[in-house]
Amino acid sequence: MLNLLNARKAIHKTQQEVADYLGISRQAYSNYEAGKREPDFETLLKLGEYFGCSVDYLLGNKKDPAPAGKVSDEDIKFALFDGAPVTDAQYEEVKRFAKFIAEHNIRPKDD
């Protein structure tokens, strides 16, 4: 079951607003939420962008979406470590380093 209803309610949008964004009828979008039809890949990408969450979440593979405009820890780990396994301790070390950089206003040197 797709997580479209949860994603839509999380950002306080109506079915009509989502349908308008997609350029489809409200009924067509309603069928996606009800599981009567499945959106194609391009539509899933648009929905993920609109809701500010991953397609993985929309497909029901993740419990909670990252808040709109935010990235989940799992997404950050994937991006930083190119999908390689990473321990929680390693990830915490990366976060401590990033905090240190921000607190000390360290900027890269211009070439």
Protein backbone atom coordinates (compact mmCIF):
# COMPACT_ATOMS: atom_id res chain seq x y z
CA MET A 1 0.00 0.00 0.00
CA LEU A 2 1.34 3.40 -0.94
CA ASN A 3 1.86 6.04 1.77
CA LEU A 4 0.25 8.80 -0.28
CA LEU A 5 -2.48 9.61 2.23
CA ASN A 6 -0.01 9.97 5.10
CA ALA A 7 2.35 12.08 2.99
CA ARG A 8 -0.48 14.34 1.82
CA LYS A 9 -1.88 14.85 5.31
CA ALA A 10 1.61 15.59 6.67
CA ILE A 11 1.78 18.71 4.50
CA HIS A 12 -1.91 19.60 4.90
CA LYS A 13 -2.87 19.40 1.24
CA THR A 14 -6.11 18.30 -0.39
CA GLN A 15 -6.43 15.65 -3.04
CA GLN A 16 -7.37 18.41 -5.48
CA GLU A 17 -4.18 20.37 -4.75
CA VAL A 18 -2.03 17.29 -5.38
CA ALA A 19 -4.00 16.41 -8.51
CA ASP A 20 -3.56 19.96 -9.83
CA TYR A 21 0.20 19.73 -9.25
CA LEU A 22 0.30 16.46 -11.20
CA GLY A 23 -2.01 17.72 -13.93
CA ILE A 24 -4.55 14.94 -13.39
CA SER A 25 -8.12 14.77 -12.11
CA ARG A 26 -8.87 14.54 -8.41
CA GLN A 27 -10.51 11.17 -9.06
CA ALA A 28 -7.36 9.83 -10.72
CA TYR A 29 -5.29 10.91 -7.72
CA SER A 30 -7.91 9.49 -5.35
CA ASN A 31 -7.49 6.13 -7.09
CA TYR A 32 -3.77 6.22 -6.28
CA GLU A 33 -4.48 6.82 -2.59
CA ALA A 34 -7.15 4.10 -2.53
CA GLY A 35 -4.86 1.58 -4.20
CA LYS A 36 -7.16 1.19 -7.21
CA ARG A 37 -4.42 2.39 -9.57
CA GLU A 38 -0.66 2.78 -9.27
CA PRO A 39 1.23 5.85 -10.41
CA ASP A 40 3.98 5.39 -12.97
CA PHE A 41 7.62 6.06 -12.10
CA GLU A 42 7.62 9.68 -13.29
CA THR A 43 4.51 10.41 -11.25
CA LEU A 44 6.11 8.82 -8.18
CA LEU A 45 9.13 11.09 -8.62
CA LYS A 46 6.88 14.14 -8.86
CA LEU A 47 4.96 13.03 -5.76
CA GLY A 48 8.18 12.56 -3.80
CA GLU A 49 9.29 16.04 -4.79
CA TYR A 50 5.90 17.53 -3.91
CA PHE A 51 5.66 15.81 -0.54
CA GLY A 52 9.34 16.30 0.30
CA CYS A 53 9.93 12.60 0.86
CA SER A 54 11.57 9.67 -0.85
CA VAL A 55 9.92 7.43 -3.40
CA ASP A 56 10.94 4.62 -1.06
CA TYR A 57 8.65 6.08 1.60
CA LEU A 58 5.81 6.50 -0.87
CA LEU A 59 6.15 2.84 -1.84
CA GLY A 60 5.80 1.84 1.81
CA ASN A 61 9.40 0.79 2.36
CA LYS A 62 10.21 3.39 5.03
CA LYS A 63 8.23 4.25 8.14
CA ASP A 64 8.49 8.02 8.22
CA PRO A 65 9.33 10.58 5.57
CA ALA A 66 11.91 13.23 6.21
CA PRO A 67 10.13 16.52 6.94
CA ALA A 68 9.73 18.72 3.87
CA GLY A 69 13.03 20.36 3.04
CA LYS A 70 14.95 17.97 5.32
CA VAL A 71 16.92 14.85 4.58
CA SER A 72 16.75 11.72 6.70
CA ASP A 73 19.79 10.26 8.46
CA GLU A 74 19.49 7.19 6.22
CA ASP A 75 19.66 9.38 3.10
CA ILE A 76 22.71 11.24 4.49
CA LYS A 77 24.48 7.98 5.31
CA PHE A 78 23.81 6.72 1.81
CA ALA A 79 25.12 9.93 0.24
CA LEU A 80 28.24 10.16 2.42
CA PHE A 81 29.22 6.53 2.28
CA ASP A 82 27.94 5.67 -1.20
CA GLY A 83 25.65 2.98 0.19
CA ALA A 84 28.44 1.17 2.07
CA PRO A 85 27.60 -0.02 5.57
CA VAL A 86 28.29 2.54 8.27
CA THR A 87 28.07 2.12 12.02
CA ASP A 88 26.17 4.50 14.24
CA ALA A 89 29.51 5.44 15.87
CA GLN A 90 31.00 6.38 12.49
CA TYR A 91 27.97 8.46 11.62
CA GLU A 92 28.06 10.24 15.00
CA GLU A 93 31.73 11.09 14.36
CA VAL A 94 30.81 12.63 11.00
CA LYS A 95 28.07 14.70 12.69
CA ARG A 96 30.52 15.89 15.40
CA PHE A 97 32.98 16.96 12.72
CA ALA A 98 30.27 18.84 10.78
CA LYS A 99 29.20 20.60 13.99
CA PHE A 100 32.82 21.57 14.69
CA ILE A 101 33.17 23.02 11.18
CA ALA A 102 29.96 25.02 11.56
CA GLU A 103 30.80 26.31 15.06
CA HIS A 104 34.25 27.47 13.99
CA ASN A 105 32.99 28.96 10.74
CA ILE A 106 35.62 27.07 8.78
CA ARG A 107 35.37 27.76 5.06
CA PRO A 108 37.25 26.11 2.22
CA LYS A 109 40.10 28.14 0.74
CA ASP A 110 39.52 29.64 -2.69
CA ASP A 111 41.78 28.22 -5.37
